[in-house]
Amino acid sequence: MIGVPHIWETIRKGILNNVNKMTPSNKSVFRGSMSIKKANVPILSNIVDSVVFSQVKAQTGGGLRYVLNGGAALSVETQ
């Protein structure tokens, strides 16, 4: 998928809005899962991909493998 920063920011804001609507325990699980992905923990990354981030993947069509950004720099948070 190819897009500009505004598209990626809109997707990010939509995901964060859904996270903010979650219960406090689910928010904690999501944030912990994000920390695991950022730290790139080998086995745990695969587990959180299949358990936690499967819903996020489904919202983008489920088959998204690569994204390209053009037009401007992308913020670190969105990356």
PDB file of N, CA and C in Angstrom:
ATOM      1  N   MET A   1       0.849  -1.170   0.000  1.00  0.00           N
ATOM      2  CA  MET A   1       0.000   0.000   0.000  1.00  0.00           C
ATOM      3  C   MET A   1       0.898   1.237   0.000  1.00  0.00           C
ATOM      4  N   ILE A   2       0.567   2.165  -0.799  1.00  0.00           N
ATOM      5  CA  ILE A   2       1.321   3.410  -0.906  1.00  0.00           C
ATOM      6  C   ILE A   2       0.446   4.555  -0.392  1.00  0.00           C
ATOM      7  N   GLY A   3       1.037   5.447   0.402  1.00  0.00           N
ATOM      8  CA  GLY A   3       0.264   6.560   0.936  1.00  0.00           C
ATOM      9  C   GLY A   3       1.139   7.715   1.365  1.00  0.00           C
ATOM     10  N   VAL A   4       0.485   8.738   1.803  1.00  0.00           N
ATOM     11  CA  VAL A   4       1.161   9.934   2.314  1.00  0.00           C
ATOM     12  C   VAL A   4       0.979   9.957   3.835  1.00  0.00           C
ATOM     13  N   PRO A   5       1.784  10.760   4.546  1.00  0.00           N
ATOM     14  CA  PRO A   5       1.707  10.770   6.011  1.00  0.00           C
ATOM     15  C   PRO A   5       0.304  10.990   6.579  1.00  0.00           C
ATOM     16  N   HIS A   6      -0.499  11.785   5.925  1.00  0.00           N
ATOM     17  CA  HIS A   6      -1.852  12.044   6.438  1.00  0.00           C
ATOM     18  C   HIS A   6      -2.659  10.748   6.525  1.00  0.00           C
ATOM     19  N   ILE A   7      -2.521   9.881   5.559  1.00  0.00           N
ATOM     20  CA  ILE A   7      -3.247   8.601   5.571  1.00  0.00           C
ATOM     21  C   ILE A   7      -2.797   7.761   6.753  1.00  0.00           C
ATOM     22  N   TRP A   8      -1.483   7.667   6.947  1.00  0.00           N
ATOM     23  CA  TRP A   8      -0.956   6.841   8.041  1.00  0.00           C
ATOM     24  C   TRP A   8      -1.334   7.424   9.400  1.00  0.00           C
ATOM     25  N   GLU A   9      -1.338   8.744   9.508  1.00  0.00           N
ATOM     26  CA  GLU A   9      -1.745   9.387  10.765  1.00  0.00           C
ATOM     27  C   GLU A   9      -3.229   9.134  11.043  1.00  0.00           C
ATOM     28  N   THR A  10      -4.048   9.150  10.009  1.00  0.00           N
ATOM     29  CA  THR A  10      -5.479   8.893  10.176  1.00  0.00           C
ATOM     30  C   THR A  10      -5.716   7.466  10.653  1.00  0.00           C
ATOM     31  N   ILE A  11      -5.008   6.515  10.080  1.00  0.00           N
ATOM     32  CA  ILE A  11      -5.130   5.115  10.505  1.00  0.00           C
ATOM     33  C   ILE A  11      -4.672   4.976  11.956  1.00  0.00           C
ATOM     34  N   ARG A  12      -3.554   5.600  12.289  1.00  0.00           N
ATOM     35  CA  ARG A  12      -3.019   5.545  13.658  1.00  0.00           C
ATOM     36  C   ARG A  12      -4.011   6.139  14.656  1.00  0.00           C
ATOM     37  N   LYS A  13      -4.596   7.290  14.324  1.00  0.00           N
ATOM     38  CA  LYS A  13      -5.562   7.930  15.221  1.00  0.00           C
ATOM     39  C   LYS A  13      -6.804   7.058  15.410  1.00  0.00           C
ATOM     40  N   GLY A  14      -7.240   6.395  14.344  1.00  0.00           N
ATOM     41  CA  GLY A  14      -8.398   5.498  14.449  1.00  0.00           C
ATOM     42  C   GLY A  14      -8.119   4.328  15.378  1.00  0.00           C
ATOM     43  N   ILE A  15      -6.929   3.766  15.268  1.00  0.00           N
ATOM     44  CA  ILE A  15      -6.554   2.655  16.146  1.00  0.00           C
ATOM     45  C   ILE A  15      -6.468   3.129  17.588  1.00  0.00           C
ATOM     46  N   LEU A  16      -5.834   4.291  17.808  1.00  0.00           N
ATOM     47  CA  LEU A  16      -5.714   4.817  19.174  1.00  0.00           C
ATOM     48  C   LEU A  16      -7.071   5.174  19.769  1.00  0.00           C
ATOM     49  N   ASN A  17      -8.001   5.656  18.949  1.00  0.00           N
ATOM     50  CA  ASN A  17      -9.359   5.922  19.442  1.00  0.00           C
ATOM     51  C   ASN A  17     -10.020   4.639  19.915  1.00  0.00           C
ATOM     52  N   ASN A  18      -9.838   3.550  19.160  1.00  0.00           N
ATOM     53  CA  ASN A  18     -10.397   2.260  19.570  1.00  0.00           C
ATOM     54  C   ASN A  18      -9.738   1.765  20.848  1.00  0.00           C
ATOM     55  N   VAL A  19      -8.447   1.971  20.980  1.00  0.00           N
ATOM     56  CA  VAL A  19      -7.743   1.558  22.197  1.00  0.00           C
ATOM     57  C   VAL A  19      -8.245   2.363  23.390  1.00  0.00           C
ATOM     58  N   ASN A  20      -8.472   3.651  23.216  1.00  0.00           N
ATOM     59  CA  ASN A  20      -8.950   4.490  24.316  1.00  0.00           C
ATOM     60  C   ASN A  20     -10.357   4.114  24.783  1.00  0.00           C
ATOM     61  N   LYS A  21     -11.127   3.441  23.940  1.00  0.00           N
ATOM     62  CA  LYS A  21     -12.465   2.990  24.310  1.00  0.00           C
ATOM     63  C   LYS A  21     -12.433   1.669  25.079  1.00  0.00           C
ATOM     64  N   MET A  22     -11.274   1.009  25.129  1.00  0.00           N
ATOM     65  CA  MET A  22     -11.141  -0.279  25.796  1.00  0.00           C
ATOM     66  C   MET A  22     -11.162  -0.124  27.314  1.00  0.00           C
ATOM     67  N   THR A  23     -11.352  -1.255  27.966  1.00  0.00           N
ATOM     68  CA  THR A  23     -11.256  -1.275  29.428  1.00  0.00           C
ATOM     69  C   THR A  23      -9.797  -1.049  29.821  1.00  0.00           C
ATOM     70  N   PRO A  24      -9.560  -0.593  31.044  1.00  0.00           N
ATOM     71  CA  PRO A  24      -8.172  -0.349  31.472  1.00  0.00           C
ATOM     72  C   PRO A  24      -7.261  -1.573  31.352  1.00  0.00           C
ATOM     73  N   SER A  25      -7.791  -2.758  31.622  1.00  0.00           N
ATOM     74  CA  SER A  25      -6.956  -3.960  31.510  1.00  0.00           C
ATOM     75  C   SER A  25      -6.602  -4.249  30.060  1.00  0.00           C
ATOM     76  N   ASN A  26      -7.539  -4.056  29.147  1.00  0.00           N
ATOM     77  CA  ASN A  26      -7.248  -4.274  27.724  1.00  0.00           C
ATOM     78  C   ASN A  26      -6.258  -3.239  27.192  1.00  0.00           C
ATOM     79  N   LYS A  27      -6.374  -1.998  27.671  1.00  0.00           N
ATOM     80  CA  LYS A  27      -5.406  -0.970  27.289  1.00  0.00           C
ATOM     81  C   LYS A  27      -4.008  -1.376  27.726  1.00  0.00           C
ATOM     82  N   SER A  28      -3.914  -1.908  28.931  1.00  0.00           N
ATOM     83  CA  SER A  28      -2.632  -2.334  29.464  1.00  0.00           C
ATOM     84  C   SER A  28      -2.043  -3.467  28.628  1.00  0.00           C
ATOM     85  N   VAL A  29      -2.875  -4.409  28.216  1.00  0.00           N
ATOM     86  CA  VAL A  29      -2.411  -5.512  27.365  1.00  0.00           C
ATOM     87  C   VAL A  29      -1.930  -4.973  26.026  1.00  0.00           C
ATOM     88  N   PHE A  30      -2.670  -4.048  25.442  1.00  0.00           N
ATOM     89  CA  PHE A  30      -2.289  -3.485  24.153  1.00  0.00           C
ATOM     90  C   PHE A  30      -0.958  -2.741  24.262  1.00  0.00           C
ATOM     91  N   ARG A  31      -0.818  -1.910  25.280  1.00  0.00           N
ATOM     92  CA  ARG A  31       0.419  -1.141  25.449  1.00  0.00           C
ATOM     93  C   ARG A  31       1.608  -2.053  25.737  1.00  0.00           C
ATOM     94  N   GLY A  32       1.384  -3.101  26.518  1.00  0.00           N
ATOM     95  CA  GLY A  32       2.444  -4.075  26.758  1.00  0.00           C
ATOM     96  C   GLY A  32       2.841  -4.788  25.487  1.00  0.00           C
ATOM     97  N   SER A  33       1.858  -5.099  24.651  1.00  0.00           N
ATOM     98  CA  SER A  33       2.127  -5.744  23.366  1.00  0.00           C
ATOM     99  C   SER A  33       2.920  -4.826  22.448  1.00  0.00           C
ATOM    100  N   MET A  34       2.605  -3.543  22.478  1.00  0.00           N
ATOM    101  CA  MET A  34       3.370  -2.577  21.679  1.00  0.00           C
ATOM    102  C   MET A  34       4.820  -2.525  22.148  1.00  0.00           C
ATOM    103  N   SER A  35       5.024  -2.585  23.455  1.00  0.00           N
ATOM    104  CA  SER A  35       6.392  -2.575  23.995  1.00  0.00           C
ATOM    105  C   SER A  35       7.161  -3.808  23.549  1.00  0.00           C
ATOM    106  N   ILE A  36       6.491  -4.942  23.538  1.00  0.00           N
ATOM    107  CA  ILE A  36       7.134  -6.186  23.083  1.00  0.00           C
ATOM    108  C   ILE A  36       7.515  -6.074  21.614  1.00  0.00           C
ATOM    109  N   LYS A  37       6.629  -5.520  20.798  1.00  0.00           N
ATOM    110  CA  LYS A  37       6.932  -5.374  19.363  1.00  0.00           C
ATOM    111  C   LYS A  37       8.073  -4.394  19.136  1.00  0.00           C
ATOM    112  N   LYS A  38       8.104  -3.301  19.881  1.00  0.00           N
ATOM    113  CA  LYS A  38       9.177  -2.322  19.730  1.00  0.00           C
ATOM    114  C   LYS A  38      10.519  -2.898  20.158  1.00  0.00           C
ATOM    115  N   ALA A  39      10.507  -3.755  21.186  1.00  0.00           N
ATOM    116  CA  ALA A  39      11.735  -4.384  21.666  1.00  0.00           C
ATOM    117  C   ALA A  39      12.143  -5.552  20.774  1.00  0.00           C
ATOM    118  N   ASN A  40      11.235  -5.988  19.905  1.00  0.00           N
ATOM    119  CA  ASN A  40      11.488  -7.072  18.960  1.00  0.00           C
ATOM    120  C   ASN A  40      11.901  -8.364  19.669  1.00  0.00           C
ATOM    121  N   VAL A  41      11.123  -8.744  20.669  1.00  0.00           N
ATOM    122  CA  VAL A  41      11.354  -9.995  21.387  1.00  0.00           C
ATOM    123  C   VAL A  41      10.888 -11.137  20.485  1.00  0.00           C
ATOM    124  N   PRO A  42      11.794 -12.043  20.071  1.00  0.00           N
ATOM    125  CA  PRO A  42      11.483 -13.020  19.013  1.00  0.00           C
ATOM    126  C   PRO A  42      10.206 -13.836  19.200  1.00  0.00           C
ATOM    127  N   ILE A  43      10.076 -14.617  20.230  1.00  0.00           N
ATOM    128  CA  ILE A  43       8.923 -15.507  20.376  1.00  0.00           C
ATOM    129  C   ILE A  43       7.676 -14.726  20.776  1.00  0.00           C
ATOM    130  N   LEU A  44       7.834 -13.791  21.688  1.00  0.00           N
ATOM    131  CA  LEU A  44       6.677 -13.021  22.149  1.00  0.00           C
ATOM    132  C   LEU A  44       6.086 -12.147  21.048  1.00  0.00           C
ATOM    133  N   SER A  45       6.914 -11.668  20.132  1.00  0.00           N
ATOM    134  CA  SER A  45       6.395 -10.856  19.021  1.00  0.00           C
ATOM    135  C   SER A  45       5.420 -11.648  18.173  1.00  0.00           C
ATOM    136  N   ASN A  46       5.729 -12.897  17.918  1.00  0.00           N
ATOM    137  CA  ASN A  46       4.823 -13.744  17.133  1.00  0.00           C
ATOM    138  C   ASN A  46       3.524 -13.995  17.871  1.00  0.00           C
ATOM    139  N   ILE A  47       3.602 -14.156  19.186  1.00  0.00           N
ATOM    140  CA  ILE A  47       2.390 -14.401  19.979  1.00  0.00           C
ATOM    141  C   ILE A  47       1.487 -13.179  19.983  1.00  0.00           C
ATOM    142  N   VAL A  48       2.057 -11.989  20.227  1.00  0.00           N
ATOM    143  CA  VAL A  48       1.206 -10.792  20.251  1.00  0.00           C
ATOM    144  C   VAL A  48       0.681 -10.462  18.858  1.00  0.00           C
ATOM    145  N   ASP A  49       1.424 -10.833  17.811  1.00  0.00           N
ATOM    146  CA  ASP A  49       0.906 -10.652  16.450  1.00  0.00           C
ATOM    147  C   ASP A  49      -0.374 -11.444  16.254  1.00  0.00           C
ATOM    148  N   SER A  50      -0.353 -12.705  16.655  1.00  0.00           N
ATOM    149  CA  SER A  50      -1.508 -13.557  16.404  1.00  0.00           C
ATOM    150  C   SER A  50      -2.657 -13.317  17.376  1.00  0.00           C
ATOM    151  N   VAL A  51      -2.356 -12.896  18.593  1.00  0.00           N
ATOM    152  CA  VAL A  51      -3.415 -12.735  19.594  1.00  0.00           C
ATOM    153  C   VAL A  51      -3.940 -11.303  19.654  1.00  0.00           C
ATOM    154  N   VAL A  52      -3.048 -10.335  19.812  1.00  0.00           N
ATOM    155  CA  VAL A  52      -3.468  -8.958  20.061  1.00  0.00           C
ATOM    156  C   VAL A  52      -3.656  -8.168  18.776  1.00  0.00           C
ATOM    157  N   PHE A  53      -2.694  -8.249  17.875  1.00  0.00           N
ATOM    158  CA  PHE A  53      -2.718  -7.399  16.687  1.00  0.00           C
ATOM    159  C   PHE A  53      -3.498  -7.993  15.522  1.00  0.00           C
ATOM    160  N   SER A  54      -4.115  -9.152  15.711  1.00  0.00           N
ATOM    161  CA  SER A  54      -4.907  -9.743  14.627  1.00  0.00           C
ATOM    162  C   SER A  54      -6.101  -8.852  14.276  1.00  0.00           C
ATOM    163  N   GLN A  55      -6.684  -8.162  15.263  1.00  0.00           N
ATOM    164  CA  GLN A  55      -7.814  -7.271  14.999  1.00  0.00           C
ATOM    165  C   GLN A  55      -7.372  -6.052  14.196  1.00  0.00           C
ATOM    166  N   VAL A  56      -6.193  -5.538  14.501  1.00  0.00           N
ATOM    167  CA  VAL A  56      -5.673  -4.391  13.753  1.00  0.00           C
ATOM    168  C   VAL A  56      -5.387  -4.813  12.321  1.00  0.00           C
ATOM    169  N   LYS A  57      -4.809  -5.976  12.144  1.00  0.00           N
ATOM    170  CA  LYS A  57      -4.517  -6.486  10.801  1.00  0.00           C
ATOM    171  C   LYS A  57      -5.805  -6.690  10.008  1.00  0.00           C
ATOM    172  N   ALA A  58      -6.851  -7.160  10.670  1.00  0.00           N
ATOM    173  CA  ALA A  58      -8.129  -7.369   9.988  1.00  0.00           C
ATOM    174  C   ALA A  58      -8.707  -6.053   9.485  1.00  0.00           C
ATOM    175  N   GLN A  59      -8.499  -4.964  10.229  1.00  0.00           N
ATOM    176  CA  GLN A  59      -9.020  -3.661   9.821  1.00  0.00           C
ATOM    177  C   GLN A  59      -8.312  -3.129   8.583  1.00  0.00           C
ATOM    178  N   THR A  60      -7.104  -3.581   8.320  1.00  0.00           N
ATOM    179  CA  THR A  60      -6.390  -3.140   7.120  1.00  0.00           C
ATOM    180  C   THR A  60      -6.515  -4.158   5.991  1.00  0.00           C
ATOM    181  N   GLY A  61      -7.417  -5.113   6.115  1.00  0.00           N
ATOM    182  CA  GLY A  61      -7.655  -6.074   5.057  1.00  0.00           C
ATOM    183  C   GLY A  61      -7.036  -7.432   5.309  1.00  0.00           C
ATOM    184  N   GLY A  62      -6.153  -7.551   6.269  1.00  0.00           N
ATOM    185  CA  GLY A  62      -5.580  -8.831   6.639  1.00  0.00           C
ATOM    186  C   GLY A  62      -4.385  -9.284   5.823  1.00  0.00           C
ATOM    187  N   GLY A  63      -4.174  -8.739   4.637  1.00  0.00           N
ATOM    188  CA  GLY A  63      -3.085  -9.190   3.788  1.00  0.00           C
ATOM    189  C   GLY A  63      -2.020  -8.141   3.542  1.00  0.00           C
ATOM    190  N   LEU A  64      -2.036  -7.075   4.299  1.00  0.00           N
ATOM    191  CA  LEU A  64      -1.087  -5.985   4.103  1.00  0.00           C
ATOM    192  C   LEU A  64       0.307  -6.432   4.530  1.00  0.00           C
ATOM    193  N   ARG A  65       1.263  -6.379   3.594  1.00  0.00           N
ATOM    194  CA  ARG A  65       2.621  -6.819   3.896  1.00  0.00           C
ATOM    195  C   ARG A  65       3.614  -5.673   3.875  1.00  0.00           C
ATOM    196  N   TYR A  66       3.427  -4.736   2.966  1.00  0.00           N
ATOM    197  CA  TYR A  66       4.361  -3.623   2.827  1.00  0.00           C
ATOM    198  C   TYR A  66       3.592  -2.317   2.681  1.00  0.00           C
ATOM    199  N   VAL A  67       4.153  -1.265   3.245  1.00  0.00           N
ATOM    200  CA  VAL A  67       3.603   0.068   3.045  1.00  0.00           C
ATOM    201  C   VAL A  67       4.738   0.993   2.629  1.00  0.00           C
ATOM    202  N   LEU A  68       4.418   1.911   1.760  1.00  0.00           N
ATOM    203  CA  LEU A  68       5.378   2.913   1.310  1.00  0.00           C
ATOM    204  C   LEU A  68       4.823   4.289   1.624  1.00  0.00           C
ATOM    205  N   ASN A  69       5.699   5.162   2.068  1.00  0.00           N
ATOM    206  CA  ASN A  69       5.302   6.518   2.397  1.00  0.00           C
ATOM    207  C   ASN A  69       5.966   7.467   1.411  1.00  0.00           C
ATOM    208  N   GLY A  70       5.233   8.459   0.978  1.00  0.00           N
ATOM    209  CA  GLY A  70       5.798   9.453   0.071  1.00  0.00           C
ATOM    210  C   GLY A  70       5.217  10.821   0.344  1.00  0.00           C
ATOM    211  N   GLY A  71       5.883  11.839  -0.156  1.00  0.00           N
ATOM    212  CA  GLY A  71       5.360  13.192  -0.054  1.00  0.00           C
ATOM    213  C   GLY A  71       5.928  14.004   1.090  1.00  0.00           C
ATOM    214  N   ALA A  72       6.237  13.359   2.198  1.00  0.00           N
ATOM    215  CA  ALA A  72       6.790  14.058   3.365  1.00  0.00           C
ATOM    216  C   ALA A  72       7.329  13.024   4.345  1.00  0.00           C
ATOM    217  N   ALA A  73       8.021  13.514   5.349  1.00  0.00           N
ATOM    218  CA  ALA A  73       8.564  12.617   6.372  1.00  0.00           C
ATOM    219  C   ALA A  73       7.446  12.100   7.270  1.00  0.00           C
ATOM    220  N   LEU A  74       7.603  10.897   7.741  1.00  0.00           N
ATOM    221  CA  LEU A  74       6.634  10.263   8.608  1.00  0.00           C
ATOM    222  C   LEU A  74       7.122  10.375  10.058  1.00  0.00           C
ATOM    223  N   SER A  75       6.219  10.693  10.965  1.00  0.00           N
ATOM    224  CA  SER A  75       6.618  10.844  12.376  1.00  0.00           C
ATOM    225  C   SER A  75       7.092   9.511  12.938  1.00  0.00           C
ATOM    226  N   VAL A  76       7.943   9.583  13.939  1.00  0.00           N
ATOM    227  CA  VAL A  76       8.504   8.384  14.558  1.00  0.00           C
ATOM    228  C   VAL A  76       7.393   7.542  15.196  1.00  0.00           C
ATOM    229  N   GLU A  77       6.410   8.179  15.834  1.00  0.00           N
ATOM    230  CA  GLU A  77       5.325   7.459  16.468  1.00  0.00           C
ATOM    231  C   GLU A  77       4.516   6.654  15.471  1.00  0.00           C
ATOM    232  N   THR A  78       4.297   7.201  14.309  1.00  0.00           N
ATOM    233  CA  THR A  78       3.508   6.515  13.297  1.00  0.00           C
ATOM    234  C   THR A  78       4.295   5.380  12.656  1.00  0.00           C
ATOM    235  N   GLN A  79       5.582   5.564  12.536  1.00  0.00           N
ATOM    236  CA  GLN A  79       6.405   4.487  11.972  1.00  0.00           C
ATOM    237  C   GLN A  79       6.258   3.233  12.794  1.00  0.00           C
TER     238      GLN A  79
END
